[in-house]
N, C-alpha and C. Protein backbone atom coordinates (compact mmCIF):
# COMPACT_ATOMS: atom_id res chain seq x y z
N UNK A 1 0.33 -1.23 0.10
CA UNK A 1 -0.07 -0.28 0.29
C UNK A 1 0.71 1.14 0.50
N UNK A 2 1.98 1.26 1.24
CA UNK A 2 2.62 2.42 1.12
C UNK A 2 3.59 2.63 0.02
N UNK A 3 4.29 2.00 -1.24
CA UNK A 3 4.51 1.90 -2.48
C UNK A 3 4.05 2.87 -3.84
N UNK A 4 2.65 2.65 -3.52
CA UNK A 4 1.82 3.33 -4.69
C UNK A 4 0.91 4.31 -3.69
N UNK A 5 0.94 5.64 -4.16
CA UNK A 5 0.11 6.57 -3.73
C UNK A 5 -1.21 6.37 -3.62
N UNK A 6 -1.78 6.91 -2.44
CA UNK A 6 -2.91 6.87 -1.70
C UNK A 6 -3.82 7.58 -2.64
N UNK A 7 -5.26 7.20 -2.45
CA UNK A 7 -6.84 8.11 -3.37
C UNK A 7 -6.47 9.19 -2.44
N UNK A 8 -6.98 10.20 -3.17
CA UNK A 8 -7.99 11.58 -2.70
C UNK A 8 -8.72 11.10 -1.67
N UNK A 9 -8.40 11.32 -0.21
CA UNK A 9 -8.87 11.32 0.93
C UNK A 9 -10.18 12.62 1.04
N UNK A 10 -11.52 11.98 1.97
CA UNK A 10 -12.26 13.12 2.12
C UNK A 10 -12.13 13.83 2.97
N UNK A 11 -12.94 14.79 3.35
CA UNK A 11 -12.05 15.69 4.41
C UNK A 11 -13.28 14.65 5.97
N UNK A 12 -14.27 14.09 5.83
CA UNK A 12 -14.40 12.97 6.83
C UNK A 12 -13.34 12.26 6.83
N UNK A 13 -12.79 11.39 5.76
CA UNK A 13 -11.61 10.96 5.94
C UNK A 13 -10.73 11.25 6.69
N UNK A 14 -10.27 12.30 6.47
CA UNK A 14 -9.11 12.72 6.93
C UNK A 14 -9.09 13.29 8.63
N UNK A 15 -10.94 13.55 8.80
CA UNK A 15 -11.40 14.03 9.79
C UNK A 15 -11.21 12.69 10.99
N UNK A 16 -11.55 11.92 10.45
CA UNK A 16 -11.36 10.61 11.44
C UNK A 16 -9.88 9.90 11.59
N UNK A 17 -8.89 10.14 10.78
CA UNK A 17 -7.53 9.77 10.94
C UNK A 17 -7.19 10.59 11.61
N UNK A 18 -7.58 11.94 11.81
CA UNK A 18 -7.12 13.17 12.85
C UNK A 18 -7.24 12.71 14.15
N UNK A 19 -8.40 12.47 14.74
CA UNK A 19 -9.56 11.82 15.62
C UNK A 19 -8.62 11.10 16.15
N UNK A 20 -8.55 9.85 15.98
CA UNK A 20 -7.91 8.88 16.01
C UNK A 20 -6.44 8.95 16.46
N UNK A 21 -5.40 9.67 15.81
CA UNK A 21 -4.44 9.97 16.05
C UNK A 21 -4.57 11.11 17.36
N UNK A 22 -4.92 11.30 17.11
CA UNK A 22 -4.97 12.78 18.60
C UNK A 22 -5.12 12.28 19.41
N UNK A 23 -6.15 11.47 19.95
CA UNK A 23 -6.84 11.09 21.11
C UNK A 23 -6.05 9.55 21.85
N UNK A 24 -4.91 8.88 20.30
CA UNK A 24 -4.58 8.11 21.27
C UNK A 24 -3.55 8.63 22.03
N UNK A 25 -2.88 9.83 22.02
CA UNK A 25 -2.24 10.83 22.49
C UNK A 25 -2.91 11.53 23.60
N UNK A 26 -4.28 11.87 23.28
CA UNK A 26 -4.83 12.89 24.50
C UNK A 26 -5.25 12.50 26.13
N UNK A 27 -6.52 11.08 25.06
CA UNK A 27 -7.18 9.89 26.05
C UNK A 27 -6.65 8.39 25.75
N UNK A 28 -5.48 8.26 26.22
CA UNK A 28 -4.81 6.96 26.09
C UNK A 28 -5.61 5.72 26.08
N UNK A 29 -6.61 6.19 27.69
CA UNK A 29 -6.51 5.10 28.47
C UNK A 29 -8.57 4.92 27.64
N UNK A 30 -8.88 5.37 26.85
CA UNK A 30 -10.08 5.25 26.40
C UNK A 30 -10.05 4.92 24.52
N UNK A 31 -8.53 4.87 24.50
CA UNK A 31 -8.35 4.73 22.74
C UNK A 31 -7.89 2.80 22.58
N UNK A 32 -8.56 2.54 21.94
CA UNK A 32 -8.88 2.52 20.38
C UNK A 32 -10.39 3.05 20.84
N UNK A 33 -10.82 4.25 19.81
CA UNK A 33 -12.37 4.53 20.47
C UNK A 33 -13.49 4.04 19.46
N UNK A 34 -14.65 4.06 20.25
CA UNK A 34 -15.47 3.31 20.01
C UNK A 34 -15.99 4.42 18.94
N UNK A 35 -17.41 3.66 18.13
CA UNK A 35 -17.91 4.68 17.25
C UNK A 35 -18.17 6.25 17.50
N UNK A 36 -18.81 5.94 19.06
CA UNK A 36 -19.76 7.49 19.11
C UNK A 36 -18.45 7.99 19.55
N UNK A 37 -17.64 7.67 20.14
CA UNK A 37 -16.55 8.57 20.77
C UNK A 37 -15.85 9.29 19.77
N UNK A 38 -15.67 8.69 18.57
CA UNK A 38 -14.64 9.37 17.01
C UNK A 38 -15.99 10.25 15.93
N UNK A 39 -17.03 10.33 16.82
CA UNK A 39 -18.15 10.66 15.84
C UNK A 39 -17.81 12.21 16.61
N UNK A 40 -17.86 11.87 17.77
CA UNK A 40 -17.98 13.04 18.54
C UNK A 40 -16.58 13.74 18.82
N UNK A 41 -15.73 13.20 18.53
CA UNK A 41 -14.26 13.67 18.26
C UNK A 41 -14.26 14.69 16.93
N UNK A 42 -15.04 13.84 15.90
CA UNK A 42 -15.00 14.69 14.27
C UNK A 42 -15.98 15.87 14.68
N UNK A 43 -17.10 16.39 15.35
CA UNK A 43 -17.85 16.66 15.22
C UNK A 43 -17.35 18.14 16.21
N UNK A 44 -16.22 17.62 17.31
CA UNK A 44 -15.88 18.54 18.37
C UNK A 44 -15.80 20.35 17.56
N UNK A 45 -16.36 20.99 18.77
CA UNK A 45 -16.15 22.37 18.03
C UNK A 45 -14.84 23.37 18.29
N UNK A 46 -14.15 22.98 18.96
CA UNK A 46 -12.38 23.50 19.49
C UNK A 46 -11.82 22.62 18.56
N UNK A 47 -10.63 23.32 18.58
CA UNK A 47 -9.50 22.94 17.72
C UNK A 47 -9.44 21.69 16.25
N UNK A 48 -10.82 22.22 15.83
CA UNK A 48 -11.10 22.27 14.77
C UNK A 48 -11.35 22.75 13.28
N UNK A 49 -10.88 22.72 12.62
CA UNK A 49 -10.93 23.78 11.08
C UNK A 49 -11.07 22.74 10.09
N UNK A 50 -11.94 22.90 9.21
CA UNK A 50 -13.50 23.48 9.41
C UNK A 50 -14.06 22.23 10.49
N UNK A 51 -15.36 23.17 11.56
CA UNK A 51 -16.00 22.32 12.28
C UNK A 51 -17.08 21.71 10.90
N UNK A 52 -17.17 20.24 11.34
CA UNK A 52 -18.55 19.77 10.49
C UNK A 52 -19.48 18.96 11.73
N UNK A 53 -20.51 18.64 11.00
CA UNK A 53 -21.46 18.01 11.45
C UNK A 53 -21.95 16.47 11.17
N UNK A 54 -21.11 15.13 11.46
CA UNK A 54 -21.52 13.68 10.95
C UNK A 54 -21.98 12.98 11.64
N UNK A 55 -22.81 12.24 10.98
CA UNK A 55 -23.57 11.77 11.86
C UNK A 55 -22.75 10.49 12.00
N UNK A 56 -22.96 9.29 12.89
CA UNK A 56 -22.22 8.21 13.10
C UNK A 56 -22.45 7.16 11.98
N UNK A 57 -23.52 7.16 11.10
CA UNK A 57 -23.46 6.34 9.72
C UNK A 57 -22.54 7.03 8.82
N UNK A 58 -22.54 8.61 9.00
CA UNK A 58 -21.47 9.11 7.83
C UNK A 58 -20.26 8.57 8.30
N UNK A 59 -19.97 8.86 9.63
CA UNK A 59 -18.47 8.42 10.30
C UNK A 59 -17.93 6.87 9.85
N UNK A 60 -19.03 5.95 9.83
CA UNK A 60 -19.09 4.50 9.33
C UNK A 60 -18.29 4.22 8.18
N UNK A 61 -19.17 4.71 7.17
CA UNK A 61 -18.59 4.94 5.61
C UNK A 61 -17.46 5.73 5.80
N UNK A 62 -17.05 6.76 6.54
CA UNK A 62 -15.54 6.57 6.47
C UNK A 62 -14.57 5.49 6.54
N UNK A 63 -15.24 4.82 7.71
CA UNK A 63 -14.01 4.33 8.67
C UNK A 63 -14.16 3.00 7.57
N UNK A 64 -14.96 2.34 6.93
CA UNK A 64 -14.92 1.38 6.15
C UNK A 64 -14.21 1.62 4.88
N UNK A 65 -14.01 3.03 4.43
CA UNK A 65 -13.30 3.37 3.63
C UNK A 65 -11.71 3.21 3.48
N UNK A 66 -11.50 3.36 4.48
CA UNK A 66 -9.67 3.97 5.58
C UNK A 66 -9.73 2.58 5.81
N UNK A 67 -10.79 1.04 6.16
CA UNK A 67 -10.23 0.09 6.62
C UNK A 67 -9.67 -0.36 5.20
N UNK A 68 -10.11 -0.23 3.97
CA UNK A 68 -10.04 -1.03 2.79
C UNK A 68 -8.69 -0.41 2.54
N UNK A 69 -8.42 0.91 2.60
CA UNK A 69 -7.14 1.26 2.38
C UNK A 69 -5.62 0.60 3.55
N UNK A 70 -6.15 -0.12 4.31
CA UNK A 70 -5.90 -0.35 5.68
C UNK A 70 -4.97 1.05 6.63
N UNK A 71 -5.93 2.24 6.61
CA UNK A 71 -5.31 3.18 7.74
C UNK A 71 -6.38 2.67 8.49
N UNK A 72 -7.26 2.22 8.64
CA UNK A 72 -8.21 1.95 10.15
C UNK A 72 -7.68 1.06 10.39
N UNK A 73 -7.97 -0.12 11.39
CA UNK A 73 -7.81 -0.91 12.05
C UNK A 73 -8.95 -1.30 13.17
N UNK A 74 -9.61 -2.29 13.40
CA UNK A 74 -10.76 -2.83 13.59
C UNK A 74 -10.12 -3.26 15.02
N UNK A 75 -10.82 -3.21 16.49
CA UNK A 75 -9.97 -3.75 17.21
C UNK A 75 -11.27 -4.83 17.57
N UNK A 76 -10.71 -6.27 17.64
CA UNK A 76 -11.73 -7.11 17.86
C UNK A 76 -12.30 -7.93 19.93
N UNK A 77 -13.21 -8.38 20.12
CA UNK A 77 -13.30 -9.08 21.04
C UNK A 77 -14.15 -7.03 22.33
N UNK A 78 -14.71 -7.95 23.22
CA UNK A 78 -15.61 -6.92 23.99
C UNK A 78 -17.13 -6.47 23.03
N UNK A 79 -17.41 -5.93 24.37
CA UNK A 79 -18.94 -5.58 23.07
C UNK A 79 -19.12 -4.23 22.49
N UNK A 80 -18.47 -3.46 22.50
CA UNK A 80 -18.40 -2.57 21.30
C UNK A 80 -17.01 -2.04 20.49
N UNK A 81 -17.06 -2.49 18.74
CA UNK A 81 -16.64 -2.28 18.34
C UNK A 81 -15.85 -0.75 18.45
N UNK A 82 -14.03 -1.26 18.42
CA UNK A 82 -13.34 0.22 18.54
C UNK A 82 -12.33 -0.20 17.67
N UNK A 83 -11.82 1.37 17.86
CA UNK A 83 -10.90 1.82 15.64
C UNK A 83 -9.65 2.15 16.29
N UNK A 84 -8.70 2.21 15.33
CA UNK A 84 -7.61 2.65 15.62
C UNK A 84 -6.75 3.20 13.93
N UNK A 85 -6.07 3.82 14.42
CA UNK A 85 -5.15 4.41 13.13
C UNK A 85 -4.38 4.03 12.62
N UNK A 86 -3.74 3.71 11.67
CA UNK A 86 -2.49 2.65 11.02
C UNK A 86 -1.43 4.12 10.63
N UNK A 87 -1.36 4.95 10.27
CA UNK A 87 -0.92 6.16 9.30
C UNK A 87 0.92 6.30 9.80
N UNK A 88 1.09 5.63 10.73
CA UNK A 88 2.70 5.01 10.70
C UNK A 88 3.00 4.45 9.34
N UNK A 89 2.65 2.95 9.79
CA UNK A 89 3.05 2.07 9.00
C UNK A 89 2.64 2.01 7.66
N UNK A 90 1.17 2.92 7.19
CA UNK A 90 1.17 2.82 6.30
C UNK A 90 1.38 3.57 5.30
N UNK A 91 1.89 5.47 5.34
CA UNK A 91 2.51 6.10 5.52
C UNK A 91 4.10 6.14 4.94
N UNK A 92 5.00 5.41 6.35
CA UNK A 92 5.94 5.15 6.20
C UNK A 92 6.75 6.17 6.92
N UNK A 93 6.10 6.83 8.03
CA UNK A 93 6.57 8.36 8.29
C UNK A 93 6.55 7.99 9.83
N UNK A 94 7.76 8.70 10.35
CA UNK A 94 7.94 8.58 11.88
C UNK A 94 6.72 9.40 12.46
N UNK A 95 6.73 9.32 13.94
CA UNK A 95 5.94 9.88 15.00
C UNK A 95 5.94 11.40 14.68
N UNK A 96 6.98 12.08 14.21
CA UNK A 96 6.96 13.51 14.28
C UNK A 96 5.65 14.20 13.39
N UNK A 97 6.26 13.41 11.73
CA UNK A 97 5.86 13.68 11.09
C UNK A 97 3.99 13.86 10.86
N UNK A 98 3.72 12.66 11.56
CA UNK A 98 2.65 11.95 11.76
C UNK A 98 1.72 12.92 12.79
N UNK A 99 2.61 14.01 13.70
CA UNK A 99 2.16 14.91 14.38
C UNK A 99 1.79 16.09 13.81
N UNK A 100 2.30 16.16 12.86
CA UNK A 100 2.22 17.69 11.90
C UNK A 100 1.17 16.91 10.71
N UNK A 101 1.25 16.19 9.86
CA UNK A 101 -0.04 15.85 9.76
C UNK A 101 -1.51 15.60 10.04
N UNK A 102 -1.29 15.13 11.23
CA UNK A 102 -3.06 15.10 11.82
C UNK A 102 -3.49 16.38 12.56
N UNK A 103 -2.28 17.65 12.75
CA UNK A 103 -2.87 18.84 13.19
C UNK A 103 -2.89 19.28 12.23
N UNK A 104 -2.37 19.58 11.12
CA UNK A 104 -2.79 19.82 9.54
C UNK A 104 -4.44 19.26 9.55
N UNK A 105 -4.32 18.03 9.31
CA UNK A 105 -5.59 17.46 8.94
C UNK A 105 -6.86 17.69 9.95
N UNK A 106 -6.89 18.26 11.01
CA UNK A 106 -7.66 18.76 11.94
C UNK A 106 -7.73 20.42 12.06
N UNK A 107 -7.23 21.00 11.98
CA UNK A 107 -6.75 22.75 11.61
C UNK A 107 -6.89 23.12 10.58
N UNK A 108 -6.48 22.77 9.51
CA UNK A 108 -6.56 23.13 8.34
C UNK A 108 -4.75 23.80 8.34
N UNK A 109 -4.67 24.66 7.19
CA UNK A 109 -3.30 25.52 7.05
C UNK A 109 -2.58 26.09 8.01
N UNK A 110 -1.10 25.98 8.39
CA UNK A 110 -1.20 26.38 9.48
C UNK A 110 0.27 26.94 9.19
N UNK A 111 1.11 27.75 9.75
CA UNK A 111 2.63 28.16 9.48
C UNK A 111 3.59 27.32 10.86
N UNK A 112 4.37 27.29 10.49
CA UNK A 112 5.79 26.22 11.27
C UNK A 112 5.42 26.61 12.54
N UNK A 113 5.30 27.79 12.82
CA UNK A 113 5.20 28.21 14.58
C UNK A 113 3.55 28.01 14.81
N UNK A 114 3.13 28.06 13.82
CA UNK A 114 1.62 27.39 14.84
C UNK A 114 1.51 26.34 15.38
N UNK A 115 2.16 25.26 13.73
CA UNK A 115 2.23 23.76 13.90
C UNK A 115 2.96 23.13 15.47
N UNK A 116 4.17 23.73 15.60
CA UNK A 116 4.92 23.61 16.81
C UNK A 116 3.96 23.52 18.08
N UNK A 117 3.34 25.06 18.20
CA UNK A 117 2.26 25.09 19.18
C UNK A 117 0.95 24.24 19.29
N UNK A 118 0.37 24.14 18.07
CA UNK A 118 -0.59 23.29 18.04
C UNK A 118 -0.40 21.43 18.15
N UNK A 119 0.64 21.27 17.38
CA UNK A 119 0.71 19.40 18.02
C UNK A 119 1.54 19.42 19.18
N UNK A 120 1.89 20.23 20.07
CA UNK A 120 2.13 20.20 20.66
C UNK A 120 2.20 18.40 22.01
N UNK A 121 0.93 18.08 22.19
CA UNK A 121 0.27 17.64 22.51
C UNK A 121 0.61 16.05 22.07
N UNK A 122 1.04 16.08 20.85
CA UNK A 122 0.91 14.96 20.05
C UNK A 122 2.76 14.83 19.93
N UNK A 123 3.53 15.99 19.86
CA UNK A 123 4.86 15.71 19.74
C UNK A 123 6.08 17.12 20.25
N UNK A 124 6.07 17.09 21.53
CA UNK A 124 7.24 18.35 21.67
C UNK A 124 8.42 18.55 21.31
N UNK A 125 8.51 19.64 19.72
CA UNK A 125 9.40 19.70 19.14
C UNK A 125 9.94 20.87 19.66
N UNK A 126 10.87 20.75 19.29
CA UNK A 126 12.51 21.71 20.17
C UNK A 126 12.48 22.95 19.67
N UNK A 127 12.20 23.08 18.79
CA UNK A 127 12.08 24.46 17.90
C UNK A 127 11.25 25.05 16.61
N UNK A 128 11.26 25.82 16.37
CA UNK A 128 10.39 25.92 14.91
C UNK A 128 11.38 25.08 13.54
N UNK A 129 12.58 25.25 13.29
CA UNK A 129 13.24 24.53 12.84
C UNK A 129 13.15 23.15 12.77
N UNK A 130 13.05 22.52 13.50
CA UNK A 130 12.80 21.04 13.64
C UNK A 130 11.79 20.67 13.05
N UNK A 131 10.00 21.68 13.22
CA UNK A 131 9.19 21.15 12.79
C UNK A 131 9.87 21.67 10.83
N UNK A 132 10.11 22.87 10.75
CA UNK A 132 10.19 23.10 9.33
C UNK A 132 11.29 21.72 8.70
N UNK A 133 11.96 21.34 8.99
CA UNK A 133 13.22 20.46 8.60
C UNK A 133 11.90 18.63 8.28
N UNK A 134 10.67 18.60 9.07
CA UNK A 134 10.37 17.50 9.07
C UNK A 134 8.95 17.71 7.99
N UNK A 135 8.80 18.89 7.65
CA UNK A 135 7.83 19.48 6.76
C UNK A 135 8.68 19.13 5.61
N UNK A 136 9.54 19.58 5.37
CA UNK A 136 10.38 19.56 4.10
C UNK A 136 10.22 18.36 3.85
N UNK A 137 10.73 17.41 4.95
CA UNK A 137 10.84 16.13 4.36
C UNK A 137 9.76 15.44 3.80
N UNK A 138 8.45 15.63 4.49
CA UNK A 138 7.47 15.04 4.39
C UNK A 138 6.76 15.60 2.56
N UNK A 139 7.45 17.13 2.26
CA UNK A 139 7.14 17.68 0.82
C UNK A 139 7.81 17.03 -0.17
N UNK A 140 9.39 16.18 0.44
CA UNK A 140 10.24 16.14 -0.32
C UNK A 140 10.26 14.35 -0.99
N UNK A 141 9.34 13.80 -0.20
CA UNK A 141 9.17 12.04 -0.67
C UNK A 141 9.59 11.84 -1.73
N UNK A 142 10.11 10.85 -2.25
CA UNK A 142 10.13 9.95 -3.29
C UNK A 142 9.17 9.00 -3.72
N UNK A 143 8.40 9.02 -2.55
CA UNK A 143 6.87 8.11 -3.18
C UNK A 143 6.19 9.36 -3.26
N UNK A 144 6.00 10.65 -3.38
CA UNK A 144 5.40 11.62 -2.85
C UNK A 144 5.02 12.11 -1.89
N UNK A 145 4.72 13.56 -2.65
CA UNK A 145 4.57 14.84 -1.21
C UNK A 145 3.11 14.25 -0.63
N UNK A 146 3.44 14.73 1.23
CA UNK A 146 2.48 14.71 1.56
C UNK A 146 1.94 16.19 2.30
N UNK A 147 2.85 17.02 2.25
CA UNK A 147 2.13 18.14 2.42
C UNK A 147 2.99 18.97 1.41
N UNK A 148 2.48 20.73 1.29
CA UNK A 148 3.13 21.57 0.42
C UNK A 148 2.68 22.73 1.21
N UNK A 149 4.46 23.83 0.75
CA UNK A 149 4.08 25.13 1.47
C UNK A 149 3.21 25.86 0.29
N UNK A 150 1.83 26.94 0.94
CA UNK A 150 1.09 27.12 0.27
C UNK A 150 2.23 29.12 0.40
N UNK A 151 1.33 29.06 -0.94
CA UNK A 151 1.82 30.76 -1.18
C UNK A 151 1.66 31.69 0.04
N UNK A 152 2.69 32.68 0.05
CA UNK A 152 2.56 33.56 1.00
C UNK A 152 1.21 34.46 0.44
N UNK A 153 0.26 34.56 2.06
CA UNK A 153 -0.70 35.57 1.86
C UNK A 153 -0.36 37.02 2.32
N UNK A 154 -1.09 37.73 1.12
CA UNK A 154 -1.08 39.21 1.39
C UNK A 154 -0.64 39.65 3.01
N UNK A 155 0.58 40.49 3.11
CA UNK A 155 0.22 40.88 4.79
C UNK A 155 1.04 39.91 5.76
N UNK A 156 0.93 38.55 5.01
CA UNK A 156 1.43 37.62 6.10
C UNK A 156 3.19 37.50 6.19
N UNK A 157 3.65 36.97 7.63
CA UNK A 157 5.57 37.29 7.34
C UNK A 157 5.65 35.61 7.24
N UNK A 158 4.78 34.59 7.36
CA UNK A 158 5.14 33.42 7.29
C UNK A 158 4.17 32.92 6.23
N UNK A 159 4.59 31.49 5.50
CA UNK A 159 4.02 30.74 4.77
C UNK A 159 3.12 29.58 5.52
N UNK A 160 2.48 29.74 5.00
CA UNK A 160 1.15 28.23 5.74
C UNK A 160 1.41 26.75 5.13
N UNK A 161 1.17 25.44 5.51
CA UNK A 161 1.88 24.36 5.03
C UNK A 161 0.12 23.78 5.05
N UNK A 162 0.11 22.89 4.29
CA UNK A 162 -0.84 21.83 4.26
C UNK A 162 -0.75 20.71 3.84
N UNK A 163 -1.69 19.91 4.52
CA UNK A 163 -1.67 18.32 3.80
C UNK A 163 -2.07 17.84 2.91
N UNK A 164 -1.57 17.20 2.28
CA UNK A 164 -2.15 16.74 0.54
C UNK A 164 -2.61 15.56 0.49
N UNK A 165 -3.23 14.63 1.63
CA UNK A 165 -4.01 13.59 1.38
C UNK A 165 -5.35 13.42 0.95
N UNK A 166 -5.80 14.52 0.62
CA UNK A 166 -6.90 15.07 0.46
C UNK A 166 -6.92 16.03 -1.57
N UNK A 167 -5.47 15.90 -1.87
CA UNK A 167 -5.43 16.52 -2.96
C UNK A 167 -4.64 17.36 -3.05
N UNK A 168 -4.42 18.44 -3.99
CA UNK A 168 -4.20 20.13 -3.80
C UNK A 168 -5.51 20.69 -2.82
N UNK A 169 -4.89 21.43 -2.25
CA UNK A 169 -5.36 22.41 -1.51
C UNK A 169 -5.87 23.75 -2.30
N UNK A 170 -6.92 23.63 -1.78
CA UNK A 170 -8.08 25.58 -2.74
C UNK A 170 -7.20 26.40 -1.86
N UNK A 171 -6.59 27.21 -2.35
CA UNK A 171 -6.41 28.50 -1.37
C UNK A 171 -7.51 29.95 -1.27
N UNK A 172 -8.20 30.01 -0.40
CA UNK A 172 -9.15 30.95 -0.58
C UNK A 172 -8.25 32.68 -0.97
N UNK A 173 -8.87 33.35 -1.86
CA UNK A 173 -8.49 34.60 -2.01
C UNK A 173 -9.22 35.15 -1.00
N UNK A 174 -8.07 36.05 -0.93
CA UNK A 174 -8.79 37.09 0.48
C UNK A 174 -9.40 38.45 -0.79
N UNK A 175 -10.89 38.82 0.14
CA UNK A 175 -11.85 39.00 -0.23
C UNK A 175 -11.97 40.75 -0.78
N UNK A 176 -9.94 41.31 -0.53
CA UNK A 176 -9.93 43.14 -0.24
C UNK A 176 -7.91 42.74 -0.26
N UNK A 177 -7.49 43.71 -0.37
CA UNK A 177 -5.84 43.59 -0.46
C UNK A 177 -5.67 44.44 0.61
N UNK A 178 -4.77 43.26 1.46
CA UNK A 178 -4.09 43.96 3.32
C UNK A 178 -2.90 44.39 3.06
N UNK A 179 -2.94 45.47 3.62
CA UNK A 179 -1.74 46.00 3.75
C UNK A 179 -0.50 45.52 3.92
N UNK A 180 0.75 45.76 4.06
CA UNK A 180 1.77 44.68 4.35
C UNK A 180 2.19 45.09 5.46
N UNK A 181 2.52 44.11 6.13
CA UNK A 181 3.17 44.70 7.57
C UNK A 181 3.87 45.12 7.40
N UNK A 182 4.92 45.79 8.21
CA UNK A 182 6.14 46.03 8.96
C UNK A 182 6.82 45.79 10.06
N UNK A 183 8.40 45.99 9.96
CA UNK A 183 8.76 45.44 11.15
C UNK A 183 8.37 45.91 12.51
N UNK A 184 7.28 47.15 13.15
CA UNK A 184 6.70 47.40 13.79
C UNK A 184 5.55 46.52 14.02
N UNK A 185 4.79 45.60 13.41
CA UNK A 185 3.54 45.80 13.58
C UNK A 185 3.40 44.77 13.90
N UNK A 186 2.33 44.23 15.30
CA UNK A 186 2.36 42.90 16.02
C UNK A 186 2.47 41.72 16.28
N UNK A 187 2.65 40.78 16.36
CA UNK A 187 3.39 39.21 15.89
C UNK A 187 2.09 38.54 16.51
N UNK A 188 2.08 37.28 15.84
CA UNK A 188 1.18 35.87 16.61
C UNK A 188 0.92 35.88 17.60
N UNK A 189 2.65 35.68 18.04
CA UNK A 189 3.00 35.35 19.43
C UNK A 189 2.25 36.86 20.07
N UNK A 190 2.82 38.21 20.05
CA UNK A 190 2.16 39.30 21.13
C UNK A 190 0.51 39.07 20.65
N UNK A 191 -0.03 39.01 20.14
CA UNK A 191 -1.55 38.77 19.83
C UNK A 191 -1.95 37.76 20.57
N UNK A 192 -1.09 36.40 20.96
CA UNK A 192 -1.71 35.55 21.78
C UNK A 192 -1.48 36.02 23.27
N UNK A 193 -0.60 36.93 23.39
CA UNK A 193 0.03 37.34 24.66
C UNK A 193 -0.97 38.50 25.20
N UNK A 194 -1.90 39.03 23.92
CA UNK A 194 -2.66 39.87 24.62
C UNK A 194 -4.00 39.64 25.10
N UNK A 195 -4.31 38.75 23.93
CA UNK A 195 -5.42 37.96 24.12
C UNK A 195 -5.63 37.35 25.70
N UNK A 196 -4.60 36.48 26.10
CA UNK A 196 -4.57 36.14 27.33
C UNK A 196 -4.64 37.06 28.76
N UNK A 197 -3.93 37.96 28.04
CA UNK A 197 -4.39 39.42 29.37
C UNK A 197 -5.46 39.80 29.08
N UNK A 198 -6.24 39.57 28.37
CA UNK A 198 -7.73 40.64 28.31
C UNK A 198 -8.54 39.45 29.38
N UNK A 199 -7.93 38.59 28.38
CA UNK A 199 -9.06 37.39 29.82
C UNK A 199 -9.32 37.17 30.50
N UNK A 200 -7.62 37.28 31.34
CA UNK A 200 -7.02 37.43 32.51
C UNK A 200 -7.95 38.55 33.61
N UNK A 201 -7.81 39.77 32.46
CA UNK A 201 -8.11 41.24 33.60
C UNK A 201 -9.85 41.33 33.00
N UNK A 202 -10.18 40.68 32.22
CA UNK A 202 -11.34 40.19 32.40
C UNK A 202 -12.09 39.17 33.95
N UNK A 203 -11.60 38.10 33.96
CA UNK A 203 -11.57 37.58 35.10
C UNK A 203 -11.71 38.16 36.37
N UNK A 204 -10.64 39.49 36.52
CA UNK A 204 -10.38 39.68 37.90
C UNK A 204 -11.48 40.93 38.17
N UNK A 205 -11.97 41.44 36.74
CA UNK A 205 -13.15 42.43 36.96
C UNK A 205 -14.57 41.67 37.39
N UNK A 206 -14.83 40.40 36.90
CA UNK A 206 -15.87 39.88 36.96
C UNK A 206 -15.46 39.40 38.58
N UNK A 207 -14.50 39.39 39.29
CA UNK A 207 -14.40 39.17 40.52
C UNK A 207 -14.75 40.22 41.50
N UNK A 208 -14.06 41.33 41.34
CA UNK A 208 -13.72 42.45 41.88
C UNK A 208 -15.72 43.04 41.75
N UNK A 209 -16.13 42.59 40.42
CA UNK A 209 -17.42 42.92 40.63
C UNK A 209 -19.19 41.96 41.54
N UNK A 210 -18.22 40.89 41.54
CA UNK A 210 -18.66 40.22 42.54
C UNK A 210 -18.33 40.43 44.21
N UNK A 211 -17.44 40.64 44.41
CA UNK A 211 -17.03 41.06 46.26
C UNK A 211 -17.40 42.99 45.87
N UNK A 212 -17.85 43.52 45.22
CA UNK A 212 -18.32 44.95 45.20
C UNK A 212 -20.12 44.43 45.83
N UNK A 213 -20.52 43.70 44.82
CA UNK A 213 -22.07 43.25 45.13
C UNK A 213 -22.01 42.64 46.52
N UNK A 214 -21.29 41.82 46.84
CA UNK A 214 -21.56 41.21 48.14
C UNK A 214 -21.75 41.62 49.29
N UNK A 215 -20.69 42.94 48.98
CA UNK A 215 -19.92 43.92 50.45
C UNK A 215 -21.35 44.86 50.61
N UNK A 216 -21.68 45.34 49.38
CA UNK A 216 -23.03 46.15 49.49
C UNK A 216 -24.10 45.41 50.12
N UNK A 217 -24.38 43.68 49.70
CA UNK A 217 -25.49 43.92 50.04
C UNK A 217 -25.26 43.42 51.87
N UNK A 218 -24.19 43.00 52.35
CA UNK A 218 -23.77 43.16 53.36
C UNK A 218 -24.08 44.13 54.24
N UNK A 219 -23.83 45.47 53.16
CA UNK A 219 -24.01 47.00 54.48
C UNK A 219 -25.43 47.87 53.79
N UNK A 220 -25.49 46.47 53.24
CA UNK A 220 -27.28 47.14 52.92
C UNK A 220 -27.49 48.35 51.83
N UNK A 221 -26.11 48.52 51.52
CA UNK A 221 -26.15 49.26 50.65
C UNK A 221 -26.34 48.64 48.65
N UNK A 222 -27.26 49.81 48.05
CA UNK A 222 -27.73 49.32 46.50
C UNK A 222 -26.29 49.46 45.75
N UNK A 223 -26.71 49.15 44.64
CA UNK A 223 -24.95 49.67 43.79
C UNK A 223 -26.14 50.26 42.81
């Protein structure tokens, strides 16, 4: 199977593979997954792009297709059938590469920096250069590229990467021109830090409001 190119997988098929590989690391006690757990992971609202709504019947159809490619294996025994992925063996790639592919399958195109952050629960890369090394290895495979570097978007500082298991990715064209960033503009890391600070401050404000309301109630003072 690994010697010939894989057929183009659907979004749901890549989502099934991504969820199986993710949950193997994040909830190992419940892995392999039942159909119900797998469907819930596919329809998860967080850490998913795009968010989808698939029925258990849809997921089962995707499982059957992936089993035919030996990308998914079914566990026998027990009262409920369980499913596991077989990505490393079929694709002949190391666990680090699987972590990157899975993150791309679950969250869509990302920069090397975003991939390092978002794949942390699957594999902890020492730095961005390590991520880039595995990405280039996946892109230059003699048996067929599994990822591709996308053209840089207007205003972006870094190129994004996408997996190729569902064929050539469709590039979303921006609806309007974006002014190029300058060296003085804020970085993605700084934006994340600002969001975290805002969330912390909002929490503190909420606690202060509760405290003031409680004190006013004890003193019999109306707010």
